[in-house]
């Protein structure tokens, strides 16, 4: 269409294609090779096409004689990622007045931005929380040098705060003026998103706050599971680009009760080797993700067991049933997300926003707390030699660790895994390799169920270990959990987890997916 073509000079033409911007012109300049923002002062030094997904902003320069386009350009020198490049294209139409130039260019720029953002909101107002001690301890540097330039190029208004102690973000989120922001962006490992969700959950208007503020994630820690699930990457700049172009996605949250305490979980709850691995390797943060490999080998040789009793409200018992449920949710687009599913169908409502006690605090607990009598209809199972109890809200627990391949963003169910602890080191290593190869779901040593709630009771005289909620340690005591469908809000690339499910394992492994 002629309205999709913009002639800036007899030699320079910009065209809006189906999926990309096309640039034709004569080479008259070179891009800046700095690590920050590159500036192309002319046209054809830029690529001949720019994918709409990579376009961050476009506008007419103040002199009305240049069209400025900011886009994310891939960096391949020392690491995978992107950096912002600014393309300044001269308008060589001297016979036309500034008013005429603006009248012809402004509508075209608006069409370009419409195609570049689609259903994603432009200029999201961001509250950024940076934990400078996350992972290897470079989160503040990553934010300033790699991530902030991308958000600035997308013209996102930002308020940035740095945390100084563990748990500070809970109070910051609790007191946040949510009317001033659209999204919260923790720059850290998975601990800071956990604090932000719980801070919002402590407000008197908890349900309103959790449904209004989309909690995102810039991965700067060791595991970075949230980013892997929502954006398909653990690279900070690729996550930043995904947030700029992200679509609102309701997210299941889990209430965990222990004693008189109620905690929100967005990622996982664990007891056994997985929890011990997560907690005991905390002093090894300087190793990055390698801390988990080292910790696994140490614990696997010990062959520890964790006797306990587990009561579950089972919704889907067997793996074939789990596969069928996953297939139905994906093919029908009924994943509970805010936007179309993979096949374009509309999503169902999110009941957690309407049920409860009539106020706008957290929803009432359907099954009570761990202090109450065990609810009717729950199945109580003794585990004498439990090695791992792992329950997940998301698929990836780390870049190459997809334990919960059937996890969905908001199906109102938890994915629960149990594994016998009395197995040989050889079998333990084989099971770990099956995670990386994409065959963990079908491993016969793994019991995989969909549940809506559960209670776990560690044996008082059993050897003490750790209990981990989203990677945070809680006391070695009984606890109960139940899911709230769509209680939280986040941004994702496509409204679903960016993880291959149990029907896709033969097509791609975890590592290949994240490196793509």
Protein backbone atom coordinates (compact mmCIF):
# COMPACT_ATOMS: atom_id res chain seq x y z
CA UNK A 1 0.00 0.00 0.00
CA UNK A 2 1.26 3.49 -0.83
CA UNK A 3 0.66 4.71 2.74
CA UNK A 4 3.16 2.11 3.95
CA UNK A 5 5.95 3.64 1.89
CA UNK A 6 7.85 6.73 3.03
CA UNK A 7 10.21 8.50 0.61
CA UNK A 8 12.72 10.56 2.58
CA UNK A 9 14.74 11.47 -0.49
CA UNK A 10 14.96 10.30 -4.12
CA UNK A 11 17.49 7.69 -2.93
CA UNK A 12 16.07 6.67 0.45
CA UNK A 13 12.76 4.80 0.86
CA UNK A 14 11.31 3.15 3.97
CA UNK A 15 8.65 0.48 3.48
CA UNK A 16 6.43 -1.30 5.99
CA UNK A 17 6.44 -5.01 5.24
CA UNK A 18 4.47 -7.80 6.89
CA UNK A 19 7.00 -8.52 9.65
CA UNK A 20 9.76 -5.98 9.16
CA UNK A 21 10.76 -2.48 8.10
CA UNK A 22 12.57 -2.38 4.75
CA UNK A 23 15.23 0.28 4.11
CA UNK A 24 16.56 1.11 0.66
CA UNK A 25 19.14 3.78 0.00
CA UNK A 26 22.76 4.59 -0.71
CA UNK A 27 25.49 3.85 1.88
CA UNK A 28 26.74 7.18 3.22
CA UNK A 29 27.73 6.45 6.83
CA UNK A 30 28.94 3.88 9.34
CA UNK A 31 27.45 2.76 12.65
CA UNK A 32 29.07 3.60 15.94
CA UNK A 33 30.84 0.53 17.40
CA UNK A 34 30.60 1.54 21.06
CA UNK A 35 29.28 -0.86 23.70
CA UNK A 36 26.36 1.42 24.51
CA UNK A 37 24.18 3.17 21.96
CA UNK A 38 25.24 3.01 18.35
CA UNK A 39 24.34 5.97 16.12
CA UNK A 40 23.95 5.58 12.40
CA UNK A 41 23.97 9.04 10.90
CA UNK A 42 22.84 7.83 7.52
CA UNK A 43 20.73 5.19 5.91
CA UNK A 44 22.25 2.17 4.28
CA UNK A 45 24.90 1.55 6.91
CA UNK A 46 21.89 0.09 8.69
CA UNK A 47 20.58 -3.35 7.79
CA UNK A 48 18.25 -3.46 4.82
CA UNK A 49 15.52 -4.88 7.09
CA UNK A 50 14.68 -4.45 10.77
CA UNK A 51 12.22 -6.85 12.38
CA UNK A 52 9.29 -5.03 14.00
CA UNK A 53 10.00 -6.89 17.24
CA UNK A 54 13.40 -5.16 17.43
CA UNK A 55 12.12 -1.63 16.82
CA UNK A 56 12.01 0.32 20.07
CA UNK A 57 10.93 3.77 18.92
CA UNK A 58 10.68 6.14 15.97
CA UNK A 59 10.14 9.90 15.74
CA UNK A 60 10.89 13.05 13.77
CA UNK A 61 13.99 14.82 15.09
CA UNK A 62 13.69 18.32 16.53
CA UNK A 63 15.19 19.85 13.39
CA UNK A 64 12.40 18.17 11.36
CA UNK A 65 15.06 17.11 8.89
CA UNK A 66 15.78 13.63 10.27
CA UNK A 67 13.74 10.54 11.05
CA UNK A 68 15.13 8.80 14.11
CA UNK A 69 14.65 5.05 14.63
CA UNK A 70 15.88 3.20 17.74
CA UNK A 71 16.21 -0.55 17.38
CA UNK A 72 17.82 -3.50 19.16
CA UNK A 73 20.74 -4.86 17.20
CA UNK A 74 22.20 -8.27 17.96
CA UNK A 75 25.65 -8.46 19.54
CA UNK A 76 27.72 -11.49 18.59
CA UNK A 77 31.22 -10.47 19.62
CA UNK A 78 31.59 -11.72 23.21
CA UNK A 79 28.07 -12.84 24.16
CA UNK A 80 24.58 -13.27 22.85
CA UNK A 81 22.40 -10.27 23.45
CA UNK A 82 21.31 -6.96 21.92
CA UNK A 83 22.24 -3.29 22.21
CA UNK A 84 20.35 -0.20 21.22
CA UNK A 85 21.28 1.43 17.92
CA UNK A 86 19.89 4.80 16.85
CA UNK A 87 19.39 5.31 13.15
CA UNK A 88 19.17 8.97 12.09
CA UNK A 89 17.97 9.21 8.48
CA UNK A 90 18.09 12.63 6.78
CA UNK A 91 14.97 13.99 5.07
CA UNK A 92 16.20 15.46 1.79
CA UNK A 93 13.06 17.18 0.53
CA UNK A 94 14.12 20.87 0.42
CA UNK A 95 11.16 21.95 -1.67
CA UNK A 96 8.72 21.03 1.13
CA UNK A 97 8.06 23.04 4.27
CA UNK A 98 8.53 21.64 7.76
CA UNK A 99 4.75 21.53 8.20
CA UNK A 100 4.27 19.46 5.05
CA UNK A 101 7.10 17.11 6.02
CA UNK A 102 5.63 16.55 9.47
CA UNK A 103 2.14 15.95 8.05
CA UNK A 104 3.44 13.26 5.73
CA UNK A 105 5.86 11.56 8.13
CA UNK A 106 3.94 11.54 11.43
CA UNK A 107 1.14 9.16 10.28
CA UNK A 108 3.73 6.79 8.79
CA UNK A 109 5.67 6.70 12.07
CA UNK A 110 2.45 5.93 13.92
CA UNK A 111 1.80 2.97 11.59
CA UNK A 112 5.38 1.78 12.14
CA UNK A 113 4.96 1.87 15.93
CA UNK A 114 1.58 0.14 15.71
CA UNK A 115 3.15 -2.76 13.83
CA UNK A 116 6.21 -2.80 16.09
CA UNK A 117 4.25 -3.01 19.34
CA UNK A 118 1.09 -4.84 18.29
CA UNK A 119 -0.94 -5.57 21.44
CA UNK A 120 1.93 -4.51 23.73
CA UNK A 121 1.64 -1.15 25.47
CA UNK A 122 4.12 1.57 24.56
CA UNK A 123 6.10 3.58 27.09
CA UNK A 124 5.24 1.41 30.08
CA UNK A 125 5.83 3.24 33.35
CA UNK A 126 8.41 1.17 35.18
CA UNK A 127 9.38 0.81 38.84
CA UNK A 128 12.83 -0.77 38.73
CA UNK A 129 14.34 -2.51 41.77
CA UNK A 130 18.03 -3.45 41.53
CA UNK A 131 19.72 -5.87 43.92
CA UNK A 132 23.43 -5.09 43.42
CA UNK A 133 24.41 -8.28 45.28
CA UNK A 134 22.41 -10.68 43.09
CA UNK A 135 24.25 -13.69 41.67
CA UNK A 136 27.92 -12.84 41.03
CA UNK A 137 27.21 -9.31 42.28
CA UNK A 138 27.08 -7.26 39.07
CA UNK A 139 23.38 -6.50 38.79
CA UNK A 140 23.88 -2.72 39.14
CA UNK A 141 26.48 -2.71 36.35
CA UNK A 142 24.29 -4.86 34.09
CA UNK A 143 21.38 -2.51 34.70
CA UNK A 144 23.31 0.68 33.98
CA UNK A 145 25.36 -0.43 30.98
CA UNK A 146 23.17 -3.00 29.22
CA UNK A 147 19.51 -2.75 30.23
CA UNK A 148 18.78 0.90 30.99
CA UNK A 149 19.77 2.05 27.44
CA UNK A 150 17.16 -0.28 25.93
CA UNK A 151 14.37 1.00 28.18
CA UNK A 152 15.43 4.61 27.56
CA UNK A 153 15.38 4.01 23.81
CA UNK A 154 11.81 2.71 24.18
CA UNK A 155 10.97 6.00 25.96
CA UNK A 156 9.89 4.18 29.13
CA UNK A 157 9.50 6.46 32.19
CA UNK A 158 11.45 4.87 35.05
CA UNK A 159 11.94 5.15 38.77
CA UNK A 160 15.00 3.17 39.91
CA UNK A 161 15.80 2.06 43.46
CA UNK A 162 18.59 -0.15 44.82
CA UNK A 163 18.03 -2.55 47.68
CA UNK A 164 20.48 -2.53 50.58
CA UNK A 165 19.35 -5.60 52.55
CA UNK A 166 17.43 -8.83 52.08
CA UNK A 167 13.67 -8.37 52.33
CA UNK A 168 13.71 -4.62 51.68
CA UNK A 169 11.73 -4.98 48.44
CA UNK A 170 8.79 -6.42 50.42
CA UNK A 171 8.31 -3.13 52.25
CA UNK A 172 9.03 -1.07 49.15
CA UNK A 173 6.35 -2.90 47.16
CA UNK A 174 3.91 -2.75 50.07
CA UNK A 175 4.16 1.06 50.18
CA UNK A 176 4.35 1.60 46.41
CA UNK A 177 1.99 4.11 44.81
CA UNK A 178 0.64 1.70 42.23
CA UNK A 179 -1.18 4.44 40.32
CA UNK A 180 2.21 5.77 39.18
CA UNK A 181 3.37 2.56 37.49
CA UNK A 182 2.38 -0.15 35.06
CA UNK A 183 5.18 -2.65 35.68
CA UNK A 184 7.68 -3.61 38.38
CA UNK A 185 11.08 -4.81 37.18
CA UNK A 186 13.33 -6.59 39.69
CA UNK A 187 16.94 -6.81 38.45
CA UNK A 188 18.25 -9.83 40.33
CA UNK A 189 17.84 -13.56 40.63
CA UNK A 190 14.43 -15.02 41.47
CA UNK A 191 14.54 -13.77 45.08
CA UNK A 192 13.59 -10.18 44.29
CA UNK A 193 10.45 -11.03 42.26
CA UNK A 194 9.43 -13.18 45.26
CA UNK A 195 9.79 -10.15 47.52
CA UNK A 196 7.85 -7.88 45.17
CA UNK A 197 4.92 -10.32 44.86
CA UNK A 198 4.80 -10.68 48.63
CA UNK A 199 5.03 -6.94 49.19
CA UNK A 200 2.05 -6.39 46.90
CA UNK A 201 0.29 -9.26 48.65
CA UNK A 202 0.62 -7.57 52.06
CA UNK A 203 -1.34 -4.51 50.97
CA UNK A 204 -4.94 -3.95 51.97
CA UNK A 205 -5.72 -3.72 48.25
CA UNK A 206 -3.62 -6.81 47.49
CA UNK A 207 -5.77 -8.28 44.71
CA UNK A 208 -6.07 -4.92 43.00
CA UNK A 209 -2.31 -4.30 43.24
CA UNK A 210 -1.40 -7.79 42.04
CA UNK A 211 -3.74 -7.47 39.05
CA UNK A 212 -2.53 -3.97 38.12
CA UNK A 213 1.25 -4.10 38.48
CA UNK A 214 2.88 -6.58 36.08
CA UNK A 215 5.91 -8.05 37.84
CA UNK A 216 8.69 -8.71 35.33
CA UNK A 217 12.31 -9.83 35.66
CA UNK A 218 15.76 -8.80 34.44
CA UNK A 219 17.94 -11.89 35.05
CA UNK A 220 21.07 -11.03 37.05
CA UNK A 221 21.25 -14.00 39.42
CA UNK A 222 22.20 -17.68 39.34
CA UNK A 223 18.96 -19.41 38.36
CA UNK A 224 16.92 -16.69 36.62
CA UNK A 225 13.95 -19.03 36.22
CA UNK A 226 11.31 -16.31 35.87
CA UNK A 227 13.03 -14.79 32.84
CA UNK A 228 13.59 -18.20 31.24
CA UNK A 229 9.88 -18.99 31.49
CA UNK A 230 8.45 -15.65 30.39
CA UNK A 231 11.00 -14.56 27.77
CA UNK A 232 12.82 -17.76 26.80
CA UNK A 233 16.19 -16.31 27.78
CA UNK A 234 18.51 -15.70 30.73
CA UNK A 235 20.33 -12.86 28.98
CA UNK A 236 19.53 -9.44 30.52
CA UNK A 237 19.27 -7.47 27.28
CA UNK A 238 17.06 -10.03 25.54
CA UNK A 239 14.82 -10.03 28.62
CA UNK A 240 14.70 -6.22 28.48
CA UNK A 241 13.56 -6.32 24.86
CA UNK A 242 10.92 -8.92 25.74
CA UNK A 243 9.62 -6.65 28.51
CA UNK A 244 9.40 -3.68 26.12
CA UNK A 245 7.32 -5.83 23.76
CA UNK A 246 5.66 -7.97 26.44
CA UNK A 247 1.91 -8.60 26.66
CA UNK A 248 -0.06 -8.77 29.96
CA UNK A 249 -0.25 -12.34 31.24
CA UNK A 250 -2.15 -13.39 34.39
CA UNK A 251 -0.05 -15.73 36.51
CA UNK A 252 -1.05 -18.33 39.07
CA UNK A 253 0.24 -17.60 42.58
CA UNK A 254 0.34 -20.03 45.49
CA UNK A 255 -0.49 -19.35 49.14
CA UNK A 256 1.92 -21.22 51.42
CA UNK A 257 0.90 -21.37 55.09
CA UNK A 258 3.23 -22.44 57.88
CA UNK A 259 2.19 -21.77 61.46
CA UNK A 260 0.43 -18.41 61.39
CA UNK A 261 2.42 -17.19 58.37
CA UNK A 262 1.09 -16.86 54.81
CA UNK A 263 3.55 -16.45 51.94
CA UNK A 264 2.97 -16.07 48.20
CA UNK A 265 4.96 -18.27 45.84
CA UNK A 266 5.28 -17.58 42.11
CA UNK A 267 7.86 -20.23 41.18
CA UNK A 268 8.26 -23.39 43.27
CA UNK A 269 8.09 -25.11 46.62
CA UNK A 270 10.60 -27.82 47.44
CA UNK A 271 11.78 -30.25 50.10
CA UNK A 272 14.59 -32.77 49.71
CA UNK A 273 17.63 -32.67 47.48
CA UNK A 274 16.33 -29.81 45.31
CA UNK A 275 15.72 -27.59 48.35
CA UNK A 276 19.05 -28.54 49.94
CA UNK A 277 20.77 -27.82 46.63
CA UNK A 278 19.17 -24.40 46.38
CA UNK A 279 19.85 -23.32 49.97
CA UNK A 280 23.21 -24.92 50.76
CA UNK A 281 24.88 -23.48 47.65
CA UNK A 282 23.95 -19.89 48.56
CA UNK A 283 27.56 -19.14 49.64
CA UNK A 284 28.66 -20.21 46.13
CA UNK A 285 26.76 -17.48 44.26
CA UNK A 286 30.08 -16.31 42.82
CA UNK A 287 30.09 -19.52 40.72
CA UNK A 288 26.94 -18.48 38.87
CA UNK A 289 24.84 -21.38 37.54
CA UNK A 290 27.77 -23.79 38.07
CA UNK A 291 26.96 -23.75 41.79
CA UNK A 292 23.97 -26.03 41.11
CA UNK A 293 26.03 -28.61 39.18
CA UNK A 294 28.60 -28.77 41.95
CA UNK A 295 25.95 -28.97 44.67
CA UNK A 296 24.05 -31.72 42.84
CA UNK A 297 27.11 -33.98 42.62
CA UNK A 298 27.86 -33.51 46.32
CA UNK A 299 24.29 -34.29 47.42
CA UNK A 300 23.79 -37.17 44.98
CA UNK A 301 26.72 -39.02 46.53
CA UNK A 302 25.12 -38.73 49.99
CA UNK A 303 21.87 -40.48 48.91
CA UNK A 304 19.90 -38.64 51.58
CA UNK A 305 16.24 -39.45 52.21
CA UNK A 306 13.56 -37.26 53.80
CA UNK A 307 10.74 -39.32 55.38
CA UNK A 308 7.47 -37.41 55.45
CA UNK A 309 3.72 -37.61 54.89
CA UNK A 310 2.15 -35.82 51.93
CA UNK A 311 -1.54 -35.05 51.52
CA UNK A 312 -2.66 -33.89 48.09
CA UNK A 313 -5.80 -32.66 46.36
CA UNK A 314 -5.11 -34.50 43.13
CA UNK A 315 -6.73 -33.20 39.93
CA UNK A 316 -4.84 -35.25 37.32
CA UNK A 317 -3.18 -38.44 38.52
CA UNK A 318 -1.20 -39.95 35.63
CA UNK A 319 1.28 -38.64 33.07
CA UNK A 320 -0.97 -39.47 30.13
CA UNK A 321 -3.72 -37.43 31.74
CA UNK A 322 -1.27 -34.57 32.27
CA UNK A 323 -0.31 -34.70 28.59
CA UNK A 324 -3.97 -34.67 27.54
CA UNK A 325 -4.65 -31.66 29.77
CA UNK A 326 -1.63 -29.82 28.36
CA UNK A 327 -2.69 -30.62 24.80
CA UNK A 328 -6.22 -29.36 25.43
CA UNK A 329 -5.05 -26.12 27.06
CA UNK A 330 -2.57 -25.32 24.30
CA UNK A 331 -4.71 -26.24 21.30
CA UNK A 332 -7.80 -24.49 22.69
CA UNK A 333 -5.86 -21.40 23.74
CA UNK A 334 -7.34 -21.80 27.20
CA UNK A 335 -4.17 -21.25 29.21
CA UNK A 336 -5.77 -18.55 31.31
CA UNK A 337 -3.50 -15.81 29.98
CA UNK A 338 -4.53 -12.26 29.23
CA UNK A 339 -4.60 -12.38 25.48
CA UNK A 340 -4.91 -14.97 22.75
CA UNK A 341 -3.54 -18.44 23.26
CA UNK A 342 -1.23 -20.11 20.79
CA UNK A 343 -4.10 -20.69 18.40
CA UNK A 344 -5.57 -17.21 18.84
CA UNK A 345 -8.64 -18.05 20.94
CA UNK A 346 -9.69 -15.77 23.77
CA UNK A 347 -8.71 -16.78 27.29
CA UNK A 348 -11.12 -17.55 30.14
CA UNK A 349 -11.61 -15.14 33.05
CA UNK A 350 -9.32 -15.24 36.06
CA UNK A 351 -11.48 -16.34 39.01
CA UNK A 352 -9.01 -15.29 41.72
CA UNK A 353 -9.91 -11.67 41.04
CA UNK A 354 -13.56 -12.17 41.93
CA UNK A 355 -13.70 -14.88 44.59
CA UNK A 356 -12.91 -14.43 48.27
CA UNK A 357 -14.39 -12.58 51.20
CA UNK A 358 -15.75 -9.55 49.37
CA UNK A 359 -12.82 -7.21 49.97
CA UNK A 360 -9.84 -6.60 47.74
CA UNK A 361 -7.22 -8.22 49.95
CA UNK A 362 -5.83 -11.67 49.25
CA UNK A 363 -8.48 -14.29 48.47
CA UNK A 364 -9.69 -16.52 51.27
CA UNK A 365 -8.02 -19.89 51.63
CA UNK A 366 -10.33 -22.53 50.21
CA UNK A 367 -8.71 -25.32 52.21
CA UNK A 368 -7.72 -23.42 55.33
CA UNK A 369 -4.16 -23.49 56.68
CA UNK A 370 -1.70 -26.14 57.73
CA UNK A 371 -3.03 -25.68 61.29
CA UNK A 372 -6.52 -26.90 60.33
CA UNK A 373 -7.88 -30.42 60.08
CA UNK A 374 -6.96 -32.15 56.85
CA UNK A 375 -9.70 -31.33 54.28
CA UNK A 376 -12.05 -34.04 53.07
CA UNK A 377 -11.17 -35.65 49.76
CA UNK A 378 -7.40 -35.29 50.16
CA UNK A 379 -5.17 -38.29 49.64
CA UNK A 380 -2.62 -38.86 52.45
CA UNK A 381 0.46 -40.80 51.34
CA UNK A 382 3.42 -41.81 53.57
CA UNK A 383 6.85 -41.47 51.95
CA UNK A 384 9.52 -43.42 53.81
CA UNK A 385 12.35 -42.80 51.35
CA UNK A 386 11.51 -39.51 49.69
CA UNK A 387 14.43 -37.95 47.84
CA UNK A 388 12.71 -35.01 46.21
CA UNK A 389 9.42 -33.23 46.65
CA UNK A 390 9.11 -30.46 44.11
CA UNK A 391 6.02 -28.45 43.20
CA UNK A 392 6.14 -25.79 40.49
CA UNK A 393 4.17 -22.84 39.13
CA UNK A 394 6.55 -22.47 36.16
CA UNK A 395 8.40 -24.83 33.81
CA UNK A 396 12.06 -23.78 33.98
CA UNK A 397 13.87 -23.67 37.33
CA UNK A 398 17.13 -22.60 35.63
CA UNK A 399 18.26 -22.06 32.01
CA UNK A 400 18.86 -25.78 31.32
CA UNK A 401 16.48 -27.18 33.94
CA UNK A 402 12.90 -27.79 32.81
CA UNK A 403 11.40 -29.94 35.57
CA UNK A 404 7.76 -29.00 34.97
CA UNK A 405 7.32 -29.41 31.24
CA UNK A 406 3.50 -29.39 31.48
CA UNK A 407 3.32 -26.15 33.49
CA UNK A 408 0.96 -23.47 32.17
CA UNK A 409 0.86 -19.80 33.12
CA UNK A 410 -2.63 -19.88 34.58
CA UNK A 411 -4.46 -23.19 34.46
CA UNK A 412 -5.17 -23.09 38.20
CA UNK A 413 -3.11 -26.24 38.84
CA UNK A 414 0.28 -27.02 40.34
CA UNK A 415 2.74 -29.49 38.84
CA UNK A 416 3.98 -31.84 41.57
CA UNK A 417 6.97 -34.16 41.30
CA UNK A 418 8.16 -36.80 43.76
CA UNK A 419 11.31 -38.91 43.39
CA UNK A 420 12.61 -41.77 45.53
CA UNK A 421 15.82 -40.83 47.34
CA UNK A 422 17.21 -44.34 47.74
CA UNK A 423 18.75 -44.60 44.28
CA UNK A 424 22.32 -45.00 43.12
CA UNK A 425 24.62 -42.16 42.11
CA UNK A 426 24.50 -43.53 38.56
CA UNK A 427 20.69 -43.23 38.46
CA UNK A 428 20.81 -39.75 40.01
CA UNK A 429 23.19 -38.55 37.33
CA UNK A 430 21.08 -40.20 34.65
CA UNK A 431 17.99 -38.44 35.95
CA UNK A 432 19.79 -35.09 35.90
CA UNK A 433 20.90 -35.71 32.33
CA UNK A 434 17.30 -36.50 31.39
CA UNK A 435 16.37 -32.98 32.51
CA UNK A 436 18.87 -31.45 30.09
CA UNK A 437 17.99 -33.81 27.25
CA UNK A 438 14.25 -33.22 27.60
CA UNK A 439 13.22 -36.67 28.82
CA UNK A 440 12.68 -35.96 32.53
CA UNK A 441 8.89 -36.03 32.23
CA UNK A 442 8.94 -39.62 30.93
CA UNK A 443 11.59 -40.85 33.37
CA UNK A 444 10.07 -43.87 35.22
CA UNK A 445 11.65 -42.72 38.50
CA UNK A 446 9.58 -39.52 38.38
CA UNK A 447 5.98 -39.30 39.63
CA UNK A 448 4.28 -36.31 37.98
CA UNK A 449 0.78 -35.10 38.97
CA UNK A 450 -1.41 -32.02 38.64
CA UNK A 451 -2.80 -30.86 42.01
CA UNK A 452 -4.70 -27.85 43.28
CA UNK A 453 -3.44 -28.01 46.87
CA UNK A 454 -1.27 -30.12 49.16
CA UNK A 455 0.14 -30.44 52.68
CA UNK A 456 3.56 -31.86 53.51
CA UNK A 457 4.48 -33.06 57.00
CA UNK A 458 8.19 -33.81 57.57
CA UNK A 459 8.74 -36.56 60.14
CA UNK A 460 9.86 -34.97 63.43
CA UNK A 461 12.68 -37.47 63.91
CA UNK A 462 13.80 -37.45 60.28
CA UNK A 463 17.16 -36.01 59.38
CA UNK A 464 16.70 -32.27 59.07
CA UNK A 465 17.00 -30.63 55.71
CA UNK A 466 15.70 -27.47 54.05
CA UNK A 467 12.38 -26.28 52.70
CA UNK A 468 12.60 -23.80 49.84
CA UNK A 469 9.89 -21.42 48.65
CA UNK A 470 10.97 -19.68 45.44
CA UNK A 471 14.55 -20.34 46.56
CA UNK A 472 13.99 -18.78 50.01
CA UNK A 473 14.45 -20.96 53.09
CA UNK A 474 11.59 -21.48 55.57
CA UNK A 475 11.59 -23.53 58.84
CA UNK A 476 11.66 -27.35 58.79
CA UNK A 477 7.99 -27.65 59.73
CA UNK A 478 4.75 -28.79 58.07
CA UNK A 479 3.33 -26.43 55.47
CA UNK A 480 0.30 -26.29 53.20
CA UNK A 481 -0.14 -24.76 49.75
CA UNK A 482 -3.04 -23.95 47.45
CA UNK A 483 -3.10 -22.25 44.07
CA UNK A 484 -4.97 -19.05 43.13
CA UNK A 485 -5.64 -18.98 39.42
CA UNK A 486 -4.55 -15.75 37.74
CA UNK A 487 -3.99 -13.85 41.00
CA UNK A 488 -0.71 -12.32 39.78
CA UNK A 489 0.16 -10.38 36.65
CA UNK A 490 3.30 -10.39 34.55
CA UNK A 491 4.44 -9.72 30.98
CA UNK A 492 5.45 -12.48 28.59
CA UNK A 493 6.44 -12.62 24.96
CA UNK A 494 3.40 -14.56 23.77
CA UNK A 495 1.07 -15.07 26.72
CA UNK A 496 2.45 -18.56 27.45
CA UNK A 497 5.60 -19.98 29.01
CA UNK A 498 8.50 -20.06 26.57
CA UNK A 499 9.24 -23.70 27.33
CA UNK A 500 8.73 -26.81 25.20
CA UNK A 501 5.99 -28.93 26.73
CA UNK A 502 5.69 -32.73 27.01
CA UNK A 503 4.35 -32.91 23.45
CA UNK A 504 7.38 -31.09 22.06
CA UNK A 505 10.38 -32.78 23.69
CA UNK A 506 11.44 -34.62 20.56
CA UNK A 507 11.63 -31.33 18.67
CA UNK A 508 13.95 -29.30 20.88
CA UNK A 509 15.88 -29.58 24.14
CA UNK A 510 15.84 -27.01 26.93
CA UNK A 511 19.30 -25.69 26.14
CA UNK A 512 18.62 -25.40 22.41
CA UNK A 513 15.39 -23.53 23.11
CA UNK A 514 17.11 -20.95 25.31
CA UNK A 515 20.02 -20.48 22.92
CA UNK A 516 17.78 -19.93 19.89
